[in-house]
C-alpha atoms as a PDB file:
ATOM      1  CA  MET A   1      -4.226 -25.604  -2.271  1.00  0.00           C
ATOM      2  CA  LYS A   2      -4.498 -22.875   0.382  1.00  0.00           C
ATOM      3  CA  ILE A   3      -1.692 -20.327   0.154  1.00  0.00           C
ATOM      4  CA  SER A   4      -1.080 -16.877   1.612  1.00  0.00           C
ATOM      5  CA  LYS A   5      -1.796 -13.677  -0.271  1.00  0.00           C
ATOM      6  CA  GLN A   6       1.943 -12.991  -0.588  1.00  0.00           C
ATOM      7  CA  GLN A   7       2.522 -16.446  -2.066  1.00  0.00           C
ATOM      8  CA  ARG A   8      -0.371 -15.924  -4.493  1.00  0.00           C
ATOM      9  CA  HIS A   9       1.045 -12.513  -5.496  1.00  0.00           C
ATOM     10  CA  HIS A  10       4.418 -14.131  -6.141  1.00  0.00           C
ATOM     11  CA  ARG A  11       2.832 -16.857  -8.261  1.00  0.00           C
ATOM     12  CA  ILE A  12       0.840 -14.272 -10.248  1.00  0.00           C
ATOM     13  CA  MET A  13       4.055 -12.335 -10.860  1.00  0.00           C
ATOM     14  CA  LEU A  14       5.772 -15.476 -12.177  1.00  0.00           C
ATOM     15  CA  ILE A  15       2.829 -16.332 -14.449  1.00  0.00           C
ATOM     16  CA  LEU A  16       2.694 -12.801 -15.913  1.00  0.00           C
ATOM     17  CA  GLU A  17       6.451 -12.864 -16.517  1.00  0.00           C
ATOM     18  CA  ASP A  18       6.275 -16.276 -18.193  1.00  0.00           C
ATOM     19  CA  GLN A  19       3.319 -15.914 -20.565  1.00  0.00           C
ATOM     20  CA  VAL A  20       0.824 -13.542 -22.122  1.00  0.00           C
ATOM     21  CA  VAL A  21      -2.290 -13.290 -19.964  1.00  0.00           C
ATOM     22  CA  SER A  22      -5.051 -11.230 -21.504  1.00  0.00           C
ATOM     23  CA  SER A  23      -7.738 -11.363 -18.814  1.00  0.00           C
ATOM     24  CA  GLN A  24      -8.393 -11.908 -15.139  1.00  0.00           C
ATOM     25  CA  SER A  25     -10.479 -14.997 -15.910  1.00  0.00           C
ATOM     26  CA  GLN A  26      -7.549 -16.480 -17.840  1.00  0.00           C
ATOM     27  CA  LEU A  27      -5.315 -15.799 -14.835  1.00  0.00           C
ATOM     28  CA  VAL A  28      -7.834 -17.514 -12.516  1.00  0.00           C
ATOM     29  CA  THR A  29      -7.698 -20.571 -14.827  1.00  0.00           C
ATOM     30  CA  LEU A  30      -3.890 -20.598 -14.891  1.00  0.00           C
ATOM     31  CA  LEU A  31      -3.762 -20.402 -11.101  1.00  0.00           C
ATOM     32  CA  LYS A  32      -6.288 -23.253 -10.871  1.00  0.00           C
ATOM     33  CA  GLU A  33      -4.090 -25.374 -13.171  1.00  0.00           C
ATOM     34  CA  GLU A  34      -1.337 -24.923 -10.586  1.00  0.00           C
ATOM     35  CA  GLY A  35      -3.656 -25.993  -7.781  1.00  0.00           C
ATOM     36  CA  ILE A  36      -4.282 -22.475  -6.478  1.00  0.00           C
ATOM     37  CA  ALA A  37      -7.933 -21.639  -5.875  1.00  0.00           C
ATOM     38  CA  ALA A  38      -8.784 -17.958  -6.357  1.00  0.00           C
ATOM     39  CA  THR A  39     -11.924 -16.152  -7.454  1.00  0.00           C
ATOM     40  CA  GLN A  40     -11.915 -13.474 -10.115  1.00  0.00           C
ATOM     41  CA  ALA A  41     -12.688 -10.878  -7.413  1.00  0.00           C
ATOM     42  CA  THR A  42      -9.624 -12.003  -5.440  1.00  0.00           C
ATOM     43  CA  VAL A  43      -7.425 -11.895  -8.536  1.00  0.00           C
ATOM     44  CA  SER A  44      -8.778  -8.436  -9.371  1.00  0.00           C
ATOM     45  CA  ARG A  45      -7.805  -7.165  -5.884  1.00  0.00           C
ATOM     46  CA  ASP A  46      -4.418  -8.868  -6.157  1.00  0.00           C
ATOM     47  CA  LEU A  47      -3.681  -7.229  -9.498  1.00  0.00           C
ATOM     48  CA  GLU A  48      -4.699  -3.826  -8.134  1.00  0.00           C
ATOM     49  CA  GLU A  49      -2.486  -4.230  -5.074  1.00  0.00           C
ATOM     50  CA  MET A  50       0.421  -5.380  -7.233  1.00  0.00           C
ATOM     51  CA  GLY A  51       0.112  -2.339  -9.499  1.00  0.00           C
ATOM     52  CA  ALA A  52      -0.755  -4.394 -12.581  1.00  0.00           C
ATOM     53  CA  ILE A  53      -1.577  -2.596 -15.795  1.00  0.00           C
ATOM     54  CA  THR A  54      -2.987  -3.611 -19.166  1.00  0.00           C
ATOM     55  CA  VAL A  55      -0.640  -3.073 -22.103  1.00  0.00           C
ATOM     56  CA  ARG A  56      -0.903  -3.544 -25.847  1.00  0.00           C
ATOM     57  CA  ILE A  57       1.510  -6.045 -27.295  1.00  0.00           C
ATOM     58  CA  PRO A  58       2.477  -6.501 -30.964  1.00  0.00           C
ATOM     59  CA  GLY A  59      -0.551  -7.476 -33.011  1.00  0.00           C
ATOM     60  CA  GLY A  60      -2.886  -5.253 -30.983  1.00  0.00           C
ATOM     61  CA  GLU A  61      -3.562  -7.873 -28.323  1.00  0.00           C
ATOM     62  CA  ARG A  62      -3.846  -6.738 -24.685  1.00  0.00           C
ATOM     63  CA  ALA A  63      -1.954  -8.320 -21.810  1.00  0.00           C
ATOM     64  CA  LEU A  64      -1.668  -7.875 -18.057  1.00  0.00           C
ATOM     65  CA  ALA A  65       1.745  -6.626 -16.954  1.00  0.00           C
ATOM     66  CA  LEU A  66       3.588  -5.597 -13.806  1.00  0.00           C
ATOM     67  CA  PRO A  67       6.251  -2.900 -13.495  1.00  0.00           C
ATOM     68  CA  GLU A  68       9.698  -4.471 -13.683  1.00  0.00           C
ATOM     69  CA  LEU A  69      10.958  -3.151 -10.386  1.00  0.00           C
ATOM     70  CA  THR A  70       9.082  -3.246  -7.084  1.00  0.00           C
ATOM     71  CA  ASN A  71       9.890   0.416  -6.459  1.00  0.00           C
ATOM     72  CA  GLN A  72       8.017   1.279  -9.669  1.00  0.00           C
ATOM     73  CA  GLN A  73       4.821  -0.299  -8.369  1.00  0.00           C
ATOM     74  CA  VAL A  74       2.472   2.408  -7.197  1.00  0.00           C
ATOM     75  CA  ALA A  75      -0.364   1.334  -4.968  1.00  0.00           C
ATOM     76  CA  PRO A  76      -3.692   3.001  -5.764  1.00  0.00           C
ATOM     77  CA  VAL A  77      -5.012   5.557  -3.286  1.00  0.00           C
ATOM     78  CA  ASP A  78      -7.913   3.211  -2.484  1.00  0.00           C
ATOM     79  CA  HIS A  79      -5.419   0.605  -1.293  1.00  0.00           C
ATOM     80  CA  LEU A  80      -3.749   3.153   1.000  1.00  0.00           C
ATOM     81  CA  ARG A  81      -7.162   4.291   2.245  1.00  0.00           C
ATOM     82  CA  ARG A  82      -8.059   0.681   3.156  1.00  0.00           C
ATOM     83  CA  ILE A  83      -4.732   0.124   4.923  1.00  0.00           C
ATOM     84  CA  LEU A  84      -4.870   3.413   6.842  1.00  0.00           C
ATOM     85  CA  GLY A  85      -8.537   2.906   7.692  1.00  0.00           C
ATOM     86  CA  GLU A  86      -7.818  -0.550   9.078  1.00  0.00           C
ATOM     87  CA  TRP A  87      -4.490   0.003  10.860  1.00  0.00           C
ATOM     88  CA  ALA A  88      -3.950   3.695  11.670  1.00  0.00           C
ATOM     89  CA  VAL A  89      -5.256   4.697  15.086  1.00  0.00           C
ATOM     90  CA  GLU A  90      -3.724   8.172  15.265  1.00  0.00           C
ATOM     91  CA  VAL A  91      -2.207  10.727  12.892  1.00  0.00           C
ATOM     92  CA  ALA A  92      -0.352  13.752  14.250  1.00  0.00           C
ATOM     93  CA  PRO A  93       2.258  16.335  13.229  1.00  0.00           C
ATOM     94  CA  ALA A  94       5.557  16.333  15.137  1.00  0.00           C
ATOM     95  CA  GLY A  95       8.099  18.904  13.995  1.00  0.00           C
ATOM     96  CA  PRO A  96       9.015  18.182  10.373  1.00  0.00           C
ATOM     97  CA  LEU A  97       7.348  14.748  10.470  1.00  0.00           C
ATOM     98  CA  VAL A  98       3.905  13.201  10.489  1.00  0.00           C
ATOM     99  CA  ILE A  99       3.522  10.467  13.097  1.00  0.00           C
ATOM    100  CA  ILE A 100       1.130   7.595  12.486  1.00  0.00           C
ATOM    101  CA  ARG A 101       0.363   5.207  15.315  1.00  0.00           C
ATOM    102  CA  THR A 102      -0.889   1.651  14.780  1.00  0.00           C
ATOM    103  CA  PRO A 103      -1.617  -1.357  16.980  1.00  0.00           C
ATOM    104  CA  PRO A 104       1.573  -3.164  18.099  1.00  0.00           C
ATOM    105  CA  GLY A 105       3.309  -5.028  15.284  1.00  0.00           C
ATOM    106  CA  CYS A 106       1.402  -3.288  12.470  1.00  0.00           C
ATOM    107  CA  ALA A 107       3.488  -0.228  11.610  1.00  0.00           C
ATOM    108  CA  HIS A 108       5.421  -1.951   8.810  1.00  0.00           C
ATOM    109  CA  VAL A 109       2.197  -2.774   6.939  1.00  0.00           C
ATOM    110  CA  VAL A 110       1.121   0.871   6.880  1.00  0.00           C
ATOM    111  CA  ALA A 111       4.643   2.145   6.117  1.00  0.00           C
ATOM    112  CA  SER A 112       4.976  -0.180   3.134  1.00  0.00           C
ATOM    113  CA  ALA A 113       1.638   1.026   1.738  1.00  0.00           C
ATOM    114  CA  MET A 114       2.717   4.643   2.307  1.00  0.00           C
ATOM    115  CA  ASP A 115       6.022   4.073   0.514  1.00  0.00           C
ATOM    116  CA  ARG A 116       4.213   2.618  -2.509  1.00  0.00           C
ATOM    117  CA  SER A 117       1.353   5.110  -2.529  1.00  0.00           C
ATOM    118  CA  GLY A 118       2.893   8.091  -4.256  1.00  0.00           C
ATOM    119  CA  VAL A 119       1.092  10.532  -1.926  1.00  0.00           C
ATOM    120  CA  ASP A 120       2.204  14.060  -2.765  1.00  0.00           C
ATOM    121  CA  GLY A 121       4.535  15.419  -0.125  1.00  0.00           C
ATOM    122  CA  VAL A 122       5.545  12.064   1.363  1.00  0.00           C
ATOM    123  CA  VAL A 123       9.279  11.514   0.925  1.00  0.00           C
ATOM    124  CA  GLY A 124       9.505   8.228   2.831  1.00  0.00           C
ATOM    125  CA  THR A 125       8.755   6.405   6.055  1.00  0.00           C
ATOM    126  CA  VAL A 126      10.507   4.776   8.996  1.00  0.00           C
ATOM    127  CA  ALA A 127       8.490   2.144  10.857  1.00  0.00           C
ATOM    128  CA  GLY A 128       8.927   0.827  14.345  1.00  0.00           C
ATOM    129  CA  ASP A 129       6.594  -1.606  16.057  1.00  0.00           C
ATOM    130  CA  ASP A 130       3.573   0.684  16.452  1.00  0.00           C
ATOM    131  CA  THR A 131       4.808   4.046  15.189  1.00  0.00           C
ATOM    132  CA  ILE A 132       5.643   5.387  11.740  1.00  0.00           C
ATOM    133  CA  MET A 133       7.594   8.560  11.083  1.00  0.00           C
ATOM    134  CA  VAL A 134       6.596  10.047   7.733  1.00  0.00           C
ATOM    135  CA  ALA A 135       9.183  12.371   6.200  1.00  0.00           C
ATOM    136  CA  VAL A 136       7.480  15.304   4.485  1.00  0.00           C
ATOM    137  CA  ASP A 137       8.706  17.388   1.551  1.00  0.00           C
ATOM    138  CA  ASP A 138       9.121  21.022   2.687  1.00  0.00           C
ATOM    139  CA  GLU A 139       7.194  22.252  -0.373  1.00  0.00           C
ATOM    140  CA  PHE A 140       4.009  20.572   0.883  1.00  0.00           C
ATOM    141  CA  GLY A 141       4.193  21.235   4.597  1.00  0.00           C
ATOM    142  CA  VAL A 142       3.615  18.907   7.504  1.00  0.00           C
ATOM    143  CA  ASP A 143       0.137  20.209   8.335  1.00  0.00           C
ATOM    144  CA  ASP A 144      -1.150  19.692   4.779  1.00  0.00           C
ATOM    145  CA  VAL A 145       0.225  16.147   4.484  1.00  0.00           C
ATOM    146  CA  CYS A 146      -0.978  15.324   8.007  1.00  0.00           C
ATOM    147  CA  GLU A 147      -4.522  16.484   7.177  1.00  0.00           C
ATOM    148  CA  ARG A 148      -4.595  14.445   3.949  1.00  0.00           C
ATOM    149  CA  LEU A 149      -3.321  11.274   5.642  1.00  0.00           C
ATOM    150  CA  ALA A 150      -5.756  11.681   8.536  1.00  0.00           C
ATOM    151  CA  ALA A 151      -8.617  12.119   6.050  1.00  0.00           C
ATOM    152  CA  LEU A 152      -7.569   8.931   4.216  1.00  0.00           C
ATOM    153  CA  ALA A 153      -7.552   7.102   7.565  1.00  0.00           C
ATOM    154  CA  GLY A 154     -10.926   8.530   8.558  1.00  0.00           C
ATOM    155  CA  LEU A 155      -9.356  10.183  11.609  1.00  0.00           C
ATOM    156  CA  GLU A 156      -8.965  13.685  12.951  1.00  0.00           C
ATOM    157  CA  VAL A 157      -5.478  15.097  13.366  1.00  0.00           C
ATOM    158  CA  ARG A 158      -4.294  14.830  16.937  1.00  0.00           C
ATOM    159  CA  PRO A 159      -3.344  18.265  18.336  1.00  0.00           C
ATOM    160  CA  LYS A 160       0.403  18.894  18.762  1.00  0.00           C
ATOM    161  CA  GLU A 161      -0.024  19.619  22.480  1.00  0.00           C
ATOM    162  CA  ARG A 162      -1.552  16.182  22.998  1.00  0.00           C
ATOM    163  CA  VAL A 163       1.297  14.496  21.074  1.00  0.00           C
ATOM    164  CA  ARG A 164       3.889  16.213  23.287  1.00  0.00           C
ATOM    165  CA  ALA A 165       2.019  15.161  26.452  1.00  0.00           C
ATOM    166  CA  VAL A 166       1.936  11.508  25.349  1.00  0.00           C
ATOM    167  CA  ALA A 167       5.662  11.611  24.485  1.00  0.00           C
ATOM    168  CA  LYS A 168       6.503  12.981  27.962  1.00  0.00           C
ATOM    169  CA  ASN A 169       4.428  10.269  29.626  1.00  0.00           C
ATOM    170  CA  ARG A 170       6.307   7.519  27.732  1.00  0.00           C
ATOM    171  CA  LYS A 171       9.633   8.569  29.298  1.00  0.00           C
END
């Protein structure tokens, strides 16, 4: 059965909550038993994106596990790098914020990855349709966080003067 990535993630979460799964190949088999086709490479990416970890359970056996609460799931930096590299088209400082621009309709994807990334200095995000405002911790500084996010996206920081000019033209 063909399902979306989000549906597959949900099913994986339910399986891991319901039984002990000790390997990715076992998880692939369990998904197949439910009519969900997925390769081990796909399951590996899914587990990484979901923040899965391997834990020891009584008896010394290992099992795959997910944090209990979604807000405890931390996306790996490689996941954020992929998201920023694919969707961010511009990164710029603007006062106490970092502004990230995306194609129309894509800002929420990047903002969600940012919120789960645990990047030092990022307090949170607000996403519109094609723009994300990244709140920055004063201890880190906007310029430092902006440079790091731009580097993850494979972009250069847009100069402040250029950001102001674009904002004036939008009025």
